[in-house]
């Protein structure tokens, strides 16, 4: 069961990372005032 659990965790982390990057890029497109490094 451990390899299955590790796979689920890794895939979940990849989805979260990709989602966060997509959200950041969309915010920069929607609001050009937001620049790299100014995130709270």
Foldseek 3Di string as FASTA:
>chain_A
DVVVVVVVVVVVVVVVVVVVVVVVVVVCVVDVVDDPPPDD
